[in-house]
Every structure is written in structure tokens, then in C-alpha cells.
Amino acid sequence: MGERLDLRGRTVLITGAARGIGAGLAHEVARRGARLSLVGIEPELMEAVADEIRATNGVDVIVCEADVRDRVALAAAVERTVAELGGIDVVVANAGVETAGSLQNMPAAEFDRVIDVNLIGVFNTLQATIGHVIERKGHLLPIASAAAISHTPSTGAYCASKAAVEALANVLRQELAGTGATVGCGYFTFLDTDMVTDAFHRPLTTALRAEMPKALATVYPLEPAIQRLADGIEKRGRVVAYPDWVRGMARLRGFLQPLTERLIGRKAADKIRQAEADERASS
């Protein structure tokens, strides 16, 4: 862990900044004095976030429309950020999507979409910004998930993508040793975001959630997670986790996965097979 990172006057680039974690974090780091580059595929929503931040915090904010899967567009967003805001100190690779479905029945294109956004998009974001962050001795923070630690039926694409993001963070942290730049990784369970709300309206996710222990199935408020993220950036934290017990999951992962399979796997798998059969019958 390096010297504490004072966000005042620093430039923070956030992908997936239109809503959820990205928008919430943008507001919080702006409150702490950071300038912002908001990157994503929903420019109208990002402009609304930017206008609110300018009105309440008076900091510089730019909006860059770019899909993290598009390396050319992402490079242009990075170049514009450096040109207009003077550099990049912090990168939060947050853009992500989810899906649900058994590996047997999931359309291959849907699996590819999740991997492309959640994994390849994070790689693209990190690779496009690493040099700038090293130059400023800043911090890189890819967002993984508790799904990187505990893997449940119907979440194969999401778990695979987030476990791979965790691996990227662990590798990059070692590769940047001695540069002054630092690398963290974010781990969260279900937070009160649009993505989670949409997921819980689907039969497959409902079937899985019904078999989860209450702590895992609960939807947690977004604001404490945002505060934890901003604090983690300032502290250059290796792990940023919310709720607190998610950090414990990471420490117990060798014990946790067999327990997950025992407590959740069979019952949830039966319900998921039935839910998929019902979906096919109704389509």
C-alpha cells in the first residue's frame, strides 16, 4: 500500500458511470474534490450526472461516450480525458452486465456478451489507462464481485467474468510493484441498483435467490458501498468489500465453495431447470 491518495484536484475516470455504482461513486469522489471523466454508453444519463455534480460540487466533469468493448472509442475517451483534465490519477473499471442461465442452455452469444463487457472491457480499460496512472502514481480499481469468490448455479458467465477480473487485479498489482501506482479490487454482493432490480424480476434469479442464505440473498443499500469505495481509493486499499462479511468470504474461499455447493447447489439447480423449462414452454 502506498501513500494515502488525496482526491482533491485529482482526476478520476469511471466506466459505467451513468447509473448505480458508477454514478454514485462519481458524486462521492466529486464531493471529496476530484475532477471526473464519466465513460459509458448512455450519454444522456451521464450528462445528467455531470450536471448535478457541477451544480453541487463545482468540479470539472467531462462525459465521454464509449463502449468498453470498443478499444478505439475507449482510447479516444482516455486521450480526451488527459487533454482536458491534465492526466488520469484514478481509474475505476466498473462497467458491467449480468445474465442468468445454466451453462447447458445459455445462448452462446449471451455468454460472450457478459465476458466481453465484464472481462475484456475491464482489460481494455486498464490497458488504455495504466501508463497514465503510473505517471501520476495513482490507483487502479477494477470492480469484481462476491461472485468472484462464491459460484452458484445459473451464474456461470457472471462468476467466470468476475473471477477473471479479480485475477487481472492480482496480476497487475504485482506488475506495478515499485512504480508508485497501486491496484485494488472491489467485491460486493447484491446492491440496490438497476441491474440487481432487473435481475430479480427473472424467474431464474428468483429461483436461485430462494435457496440462498438470508445474508447472501439480501439486497443491501448502495450508499455504504459507495463510501467504502471512495475510502478504499484514498487508502489505496487492496480489497474493497461491502457488506463487511464479504471480506471474510475471500479469506475462507477454500472452505466456502464446497459449502455453497452443499447448501445451495442441488436445490437451486432443480428449480433452475424447471424455470428454464417453463420459459421454453412459454416462448
Protein backbone atom coordinates (compact mmCIF):
# COMPACT_ATOMS: atom_id res chain seq x y z
CA MET A 1 0.00 0.00 0.00
CA GLY A 2 1.37 3.39 -0.98
CA GLU A 3 0.96 6.85 0.47
CA ARG A 4 -2.64 7.92 1.05
CA LEU A 5 -4.23 9.37 -2.10
CA ASP A 6 -5.79 12.78 -1.52
CA LEU A 7 -8.58 13.10 -4.10
CA ARG A 8 -8.61 16.90 -4.11
CA GLY A 9 -7.67 18.05 -7.59
CA ARG A 10 -7.14 14.50 -8.83
CA THR A 11 -8.73 13.16 -12.00
CA VAL A 12 -10.89 10.05 -11.63
CA LEU A 13 -12.07 8.13 -14.69
CA ILE A 14 -15.08 5.88 -14.10
CA THR A 15 -16.59 3.48 -16.63
CA GLY A 16 -20.25 2.51 -16.40
CA ALA A 17 -20.83 5.95 -14.92
CA ALA A 18 -24.44 6.51 -15.95
CA ARG A 19 -26.10 4.78 -13.02
CA GLY A 20 -25.63 2.51 -10.00
CA ILE A 21 -22.16 2.20 -8.52
CA GLY A 22 -20.57 4.37 -11.22
CA ALA A 23 -22.90 7.34 -10.81
CA GLY A 24 -22.91 7.08 -7.02
CA LEU A 25 -19.13 6.97 -6.84
CA ALA A 26 -18.85 9.92 -9.22
CA HIS A 27 -20.91 12.04 -6.83
CA GLU A 28 -18.87 10.94 -3.81
CA VAL A 29 -15.39 11.50 -5.22
CA ALA A 30 -16.54 14.87 -6.58
CA ARG A 31 -17.66 15.75 -3.05
CA ARG A 32 -14.10 14.93 -1.99
CA GLY A 33 -12.71 17.33 -4.59
CA ALA A 34 -11.92 15.10 -7.57
CA ARG A 35 -12.37 16.02 -11.21
CA LEU A 36 -14.20 13.45 -13.26
CA SER A 37 -14.26 11.71 -16.60
CA LEU A 38 -17.50 9.75 -16.95
CA VAL A 39 -17.29 6.99 -19.55
CA GLY A 40 -20.13 4.82 -20.79
CA ILE A 41 -22.78 4.11 -23.40
CA GLU A 42 -25.62 6.24 -22.00
CA PRO A 43 -24.52 9.83 -22.68
CA GLU A 44 -27.83 11.45 -21.69
CA LEU A 45 -27.78 9.83 -18.26
CA MET A 46 -24.10 10.66 -17.79
CA GLU A 47 -24.75 14.29 -18.75
CA ALA A 48 -27.45 14.43 -16.08
CA VAL A 49 -24.99 13.05 -13.51
CA ALA A 50 -22.38 15.56 -14.66
CA ASP A 51 -24.81 18.48 -14.40
CA GLU A 52 -25.76 17.51 -10.85
CA ILE A 53 -22.10 17.25 -9.86
CA ARG A 54 -21.20 20.61 -11.39
CA ALA A 55 -24.15 22.24 -9.62
CA THR A 56 -23.40 20.78 -6.20
CA ASN A 57 -19.60 20.50 -6.16
CA GLY A 58 -18.33 22.88 -8.84
CA VAL A 59 -15.65 20.48 -10.07
CA ASP A 60 -14.68 19.80 -13.68
CA VAL A 61 -16.59 16.92 -15.26
CA ILE A 62 -16.44 15.61 -18.81
CA VAL A 63 -18.64 12.96 -20.41
CA CYS A 64 -17.15 10.51 -22.91
CA GLU A 65 -19.41 8.16 -24.81
CA ALA A 66 -17.54 4.89 -25.28
CA ASP A 67 -18.32 1.20 -25.08
CA VAL A 68 -15.57 -0.55 -23.11
CA ARG A 69 -15.59 -3.28 -25.77
CA ASP A 70 -14.56 -0.69 -28.39
CA ARG A 71 -10.83 -0.10 -27.98
CA VAL A 72 -10.78 2.79 -30.44
CA ALA A 73 -13.59 4.66 -28.69
CA LEU A 74 -12.07 3.92 -25.30
CA ALA A 75 -8.67 5.22 -26.41
CA ALA A 76 -10.33 8.41 -27.64
CA ALA A 77 -12.03 8.84 -24.25
CA VAL A 78 -8.70 8.41 -22.47
CA GLU A 79 -6.95 10.87 -24.80
CA ARG A 80 -9.68 13.43 -24.27
CA THR A 81 -9.53 12.99 -20.50
CA VAL A 82 -5.78 13.58 -20.46
CA ALA A 83 -6.06 16.57 -22.79
CA GLU A 84 -8.88 18.31 -20.92
CA LEU A 85 -8.21 17.30 -17.32
CA GLY A 86 -4.42 17.09 -17.38
CA GLY A 87 -3.93 13.40 -16.74
CA ILE A 88 -5.53 10.42 -15.01
CA ASP A 89 -4.91 9.64 -11.34
CA VAL A 90 -7.57 7.02 -10.60
CA VAL A 91 -9.39 4.55 -12.83
CA VAL A 92 -12.47 2.65 -11.69
CA ALA A 93 -13.24 -0.12 -14.20
CA ASN A 94 -16.87 -0.53 -13.21
CA ALA A 95 -18.84 -1.15 -16.43
CA GLY A 96 -20.59 -4.50 -16.24
CA VAL A 97 -23.62 -6.55 -17.20
CA GLU A 98 -25.22 -9.69 -15.83
CA THR A 99 -27.22 -12.64 -17.09
CA ALA A 100 -28.71 -15.84 -15.72
CA GLY A 101 -28.94 -19.29 -17.21
CA SER A 102 -27.49 -22.76 -16.99
CA LEU A 103 -24.35 -23.39 -19.00
CA GLN A 104 -26.23 -26.11 -20.86
CA ASN A 105 -28.97 -23.80 -22.11
CA MET A 106 -27.47 -20.30 -22.14
CA PRO A 107 -27.19 -18.86 -25.66
CA ALA A 108 -23.52 -18.65 -26.57
CA ALA A 109 -23.98 -15.04 -27.67
CA GLU A 110 -25.22 -14.15 -24.18
CA PHE A 111 -22.18 -15.76 -22.56
CA ASP A 112 -19.93 -13.88 -24.99
CA ARG A 113 -21.66 -10.57 -24.15
CA VAL A 114 -21.00 -10.93 -20.43
CA ILE A 115 -17.37 -11.93 -20.94
CA ASP A 116 -16.85 -9.15 -23.49
CA VAL A 117 -18.15 -6.40 -21.20
CA ASN A 118 -17.14 -7.65 -17.76
CA LEU A 119 -13.72 -9.10 -18.58
CA ILE A 120 -12.50 -7.85 -21.95
CA GLY A 121 -13.94 -4.41 -21.18
CA VAL A 122 -12.03 -4.27 -17.89
CA PHE A 123 -8.84 -5.36 -19.64
CA ASN A 124 -9.35 -2.69 -22.31
CA THR A 125 -9.96 -0.03 -19.66
CA LEU A 126 -6.92 -0.97 -17.62
CA GLN A 127 -4.57 -1.30 -20.57
CA ALA A 128 -5.64 2.06 -22.02
CA THR A 129 -5.01 3.87 -18.73
CA ILE A 130 -2.17 2.06 -16.93
CA GLY A 131 0.57 4.28 -18.34
CA HIS A 132 -1.23 7.47 -17.32
CA VAL A 133 -1.88 6.18 -13.81
CA ILE A 134 1.76 5.14 -13.39
CA GLU A 135 2.81 8.62 -14.46
CA ARG A 136 0.70 10.13 -11.66
CA LYS A 137 1.45 7.36 -9.12
CA GLY A 138 -2.28 6.80 -8.91
CA HIS A 139 -4.65 3.91 -8.30
CA LEU A 140 -6.50 1.39 -10.47
CA LEU A 141 -9.67 -0.22 -9.16
CA PRO A 142 -11.42 -2.90 -11.23
CA ILE A 143 -14.79 -3.94 -9.81
CA ALA A 144 -15.19 -7.68 -9.35
CA SER A 145 -17.93 -9.11 -7.11
CA ALA A 146 -18.62 -11.57 -4.33
CA ALA A 147 -19.38 -13.78 -7.35
CA ALA A 148 -15.62 -13.96 -7.88
CA ILE A 149 -15.43 -15.90 -4.62
CA SER A 150 -18.60 -18.00 -4.39
CA HIS A 151 -20.03 -19.60 -7.54
CA THR A 152 -23.70 -20.61 -7.75
CA PRO A 153 -25.92 -22.30 -10.38
CA SER A 154 -27.18 -20.17 -13.30
CA THR A 155 -24.44 -17.55 -12.78
CA GLY A 156 -21.65 -19.20 -14.77
CA ALA A 157 -20.95 -16.33 -17.16
CA TYR A 158 -21.06 -13.68 -14.46
CA CYS A 159 -18.96 -15.67 -11.97
CA ALA A 160 -16.37 -16.53 -14.62
CA SER A 161 -16.05 -12.90 -15.69
CA LYS A 162 -15.74 -11.56 -12.16
CA ALA A 163 -13.28 -14.24 -11.03
CA ALA A 164 -11.17 -13.30 -14.04
CA VAL A 165 -11.36 -9.60 -13.11
CA GLU A 166 -10.04 -10.48 -9.66
CA ALA A 167 -7.18 -12.38 -11.32
CA LEU A 168 -6.34 -9.38 -13.51
CA ALA A 169 -6.19 -7.17 -10.43
CA ASN A 170 -3.92 -9.60 -8.60
CA VAL A 171 -1.57 -9.87 -11.56
CA LEU A 172 -1.48 -6.14 -12.25
CA ARG A 173 -0.75 -5.33 -8.61
CA GLN A 174 2.44 -7.37 -8.87
CA GLU A 175 3.39 -5.97 -12.27
CA LEU A 176 3.14 -2.39 -10.99
CA ALA A 177 5.17 -3.01 -7.83
CA GLY A 178 7.78 -0.28 -7.47
CA THR A 179 6.08 2.17 -9.85
CA GLY A 180 4.20 4.09 -7.16
CA ALA A 181 0.88 3.11 -8.75
CA THR A 182 -1.40 0.79 -6.77
CA VAL A 183 -4.18 -1.65 -7.59
CA GLY A 184 -7.28 -2.59 -5.63
CA CYS A 185 -10.29 -4.78 -6.35
CA GLY A 186 -13.94 -4.27 -5.43
CA TYR A 187 -16.14 -7.05 -4.07
CA PHE A 188 -19.86 -6.56 -3.48
CA THR A 189 -22.93 -8.71 -3.12
CA PHE A 190 -26.42 -7.61 -4.20
CA LEU A 191 -26.66 -3.82 -4.04
CA ASP A 192 -29.71 -1.65 -4.64
CA THR A 193 -29.03 -0.85 -8.30
CA ASP A 194 -31.00 -1.05 -11.53
CA MET A 195 -29.01 -4.11 -12.59
CA VAL A 196 -29.95 -6.05 -9.46
CA THR A 197 -33.58 -4.94 -9.63
CA ASP A 198 -33.84 -6.10 -13.24
CA ALA A 199 -32.18 -9.42 -12.42
CA PHE A 200 -34.57 -10.17 -9.58
CA HIS A 201 -37.55 -9.87 -11.90
CA ARG A 202 -36.44 -13.00 -13.77
CA PRO A 203 -37.61 -16.50 -12.74
CA LEU A 204 -34.10 -18.00 -12.81
CA THR A 205 -32.70 -15.44 -10.40
CA THR A 206 -35.75 -15.72 -8.17
CA ALA A 207 -35.27 -19.49 -8.03
CA LEU A 208 -31.61 -19.13 -7.06
CA ARG A 209 -32.25 -16.40 -4.51
CA ALA A 210 -34.87 -18.55 -2.75
CA GLU A 211 -32.19 -21.11 -1.91
CA MET A 212 -29.56 -18.65 -0.69
CA PRO A 213 -28.89 -17.92 2.98
CA LYS A 214 -30.54 -14.67 4.02
CA ALA A 215 -27.27 -12.72 4.20
CA LEU A 216 -26.42 -13.65 0.61
CA ALA A 217 -29.93 -13.07 -0.74
CA THR A 218 -30.42 -9.64 0.86
CA VAL A 219 -30.24 -6.51 -1.28
CA TYR A 220 -28.01 -4.02 0.52
CA PRO A 221 -28.18 -0.21 0.26
CA LEU A 222 -25.87 1.37 -2.28
CA GLU A 223 -24.61 4.34 -0.27
CA PRO A 224 -22.42 2.42 2.24
CA ALA A 225 -20.77 0.60 -0.65
CA ILE A 226 -20.05 3.93 -2.35
CA GLN A 227 -18.49 5.30 0.83
CA ARG A 228 -16.39 2.15 1.14
CA LEU A 229 -15.20 2.51 -2.45
CA ALA A 230 -14.20 6.15 -2.07
CA ASP A 231 -12.40 5.37 1.20
CA GLY A 232 -10.69 2.42 -0.48
CA ILE A 233 -9.38 4.65 -3.26
CA GLU A 234 -7.98 7.18 -0.79
CA LYS A 235 -6.37 4.41 1.27
CA ARG A 236 -5.15 2.61 -1.86
CA GLY A 237 -6.86 -0.48 -0.48
CA ARG A 238 -6.03 -3.87 -1.92
CA VAL A 239 -9.56 -5.10 -1.16
CA VAL A 240 -12.73 -3.01 -1.04
CA ALA A 241 -15.69 -5.05 0.17
CA TYR A 242 -19.27 -4.49 1.29
CA PRO A 243 -21.01 -5.78 3.34
CA ASP A 244 -18.19 -6.45 5.79
CA TRP A 245 -18.67 -10.22 5.75
CA VAL A 246 -17.72 -10.32 2.04
CA ARG A 247 -14.10 -9.79 3.10
CA GLY A 248 -14.46 -12.87 5.28
CA MET A 249 -15.74 -14.82 2.27
CA ALA A 250 -12.50 -14.06 0.47
CA ARG A 251 -10.44 -15.39 3.34
CA LEU A 252 -12.48 -18.60 3.59
CA ARG A 253 -12.93 -19.33 -0.10
CA GLY A 254 -11.35 -22.79 0.07
CA PHE A 255 -13.98 -23.80 2.62
CA LEU A 256 -16.80 -21.71 1.21
CA GLN A 257 -17.24 -23.19 -2.27
CA PRO A 258 -17.88 -26.78 -1.10
CA LEU A 259 -20.30 -25.38 1.49
CA THR A 260 -22.08 -23.33 -1.19
CA GLU A 261 -22.48 -26.41 -3.35
CA ARG A 262 -23.85 -28.38 -0.41
CA LEU A 263 -26.30 -25.76 0.82
CA ILE A 264 -27.43 -24.19 -2.44
CA GLY A 265 -26.35 -26.21 -5.44
CA ARG A 266 -28.73 -29.19 -5.72
CA LYS A 267 -31.96 -27.50 -4.64
CA ALA A 268 -31.28 -24.40 -6.71
CA ALA A 269 -30.27 -26.46 -9.74
CA ASP A 270 -33.57 -28.36 -9.70
CA LYS A 271 -35.54 -25.12 -9.54
CA ILE A 272 -33.45 -23.53 -12.28
CA ARG A 273 -34.00 -26.49 -14.61
CA GLN A 274 -37.73 -26.19 -14.02
CA ALA A 275 -37.69 -22.40 -14.55
CA GLU A 276 -35.81 -22.82 -17.83
CA ALA A 277 -38.26 -25.49 -18.95
CA ASP A 278 -41.15 -23.16 -18.13
CA GLU A 279 -39.51 -20.34 -20.10
CA ARG A 280 -39.03 -22.57 -23.13
CA ALA A 281 -42.61 -23.77 -22.93
CA SER A 282 -43.95 -20.22 -22.84
CA SER A 283 -41.76 -18.85 -25.64
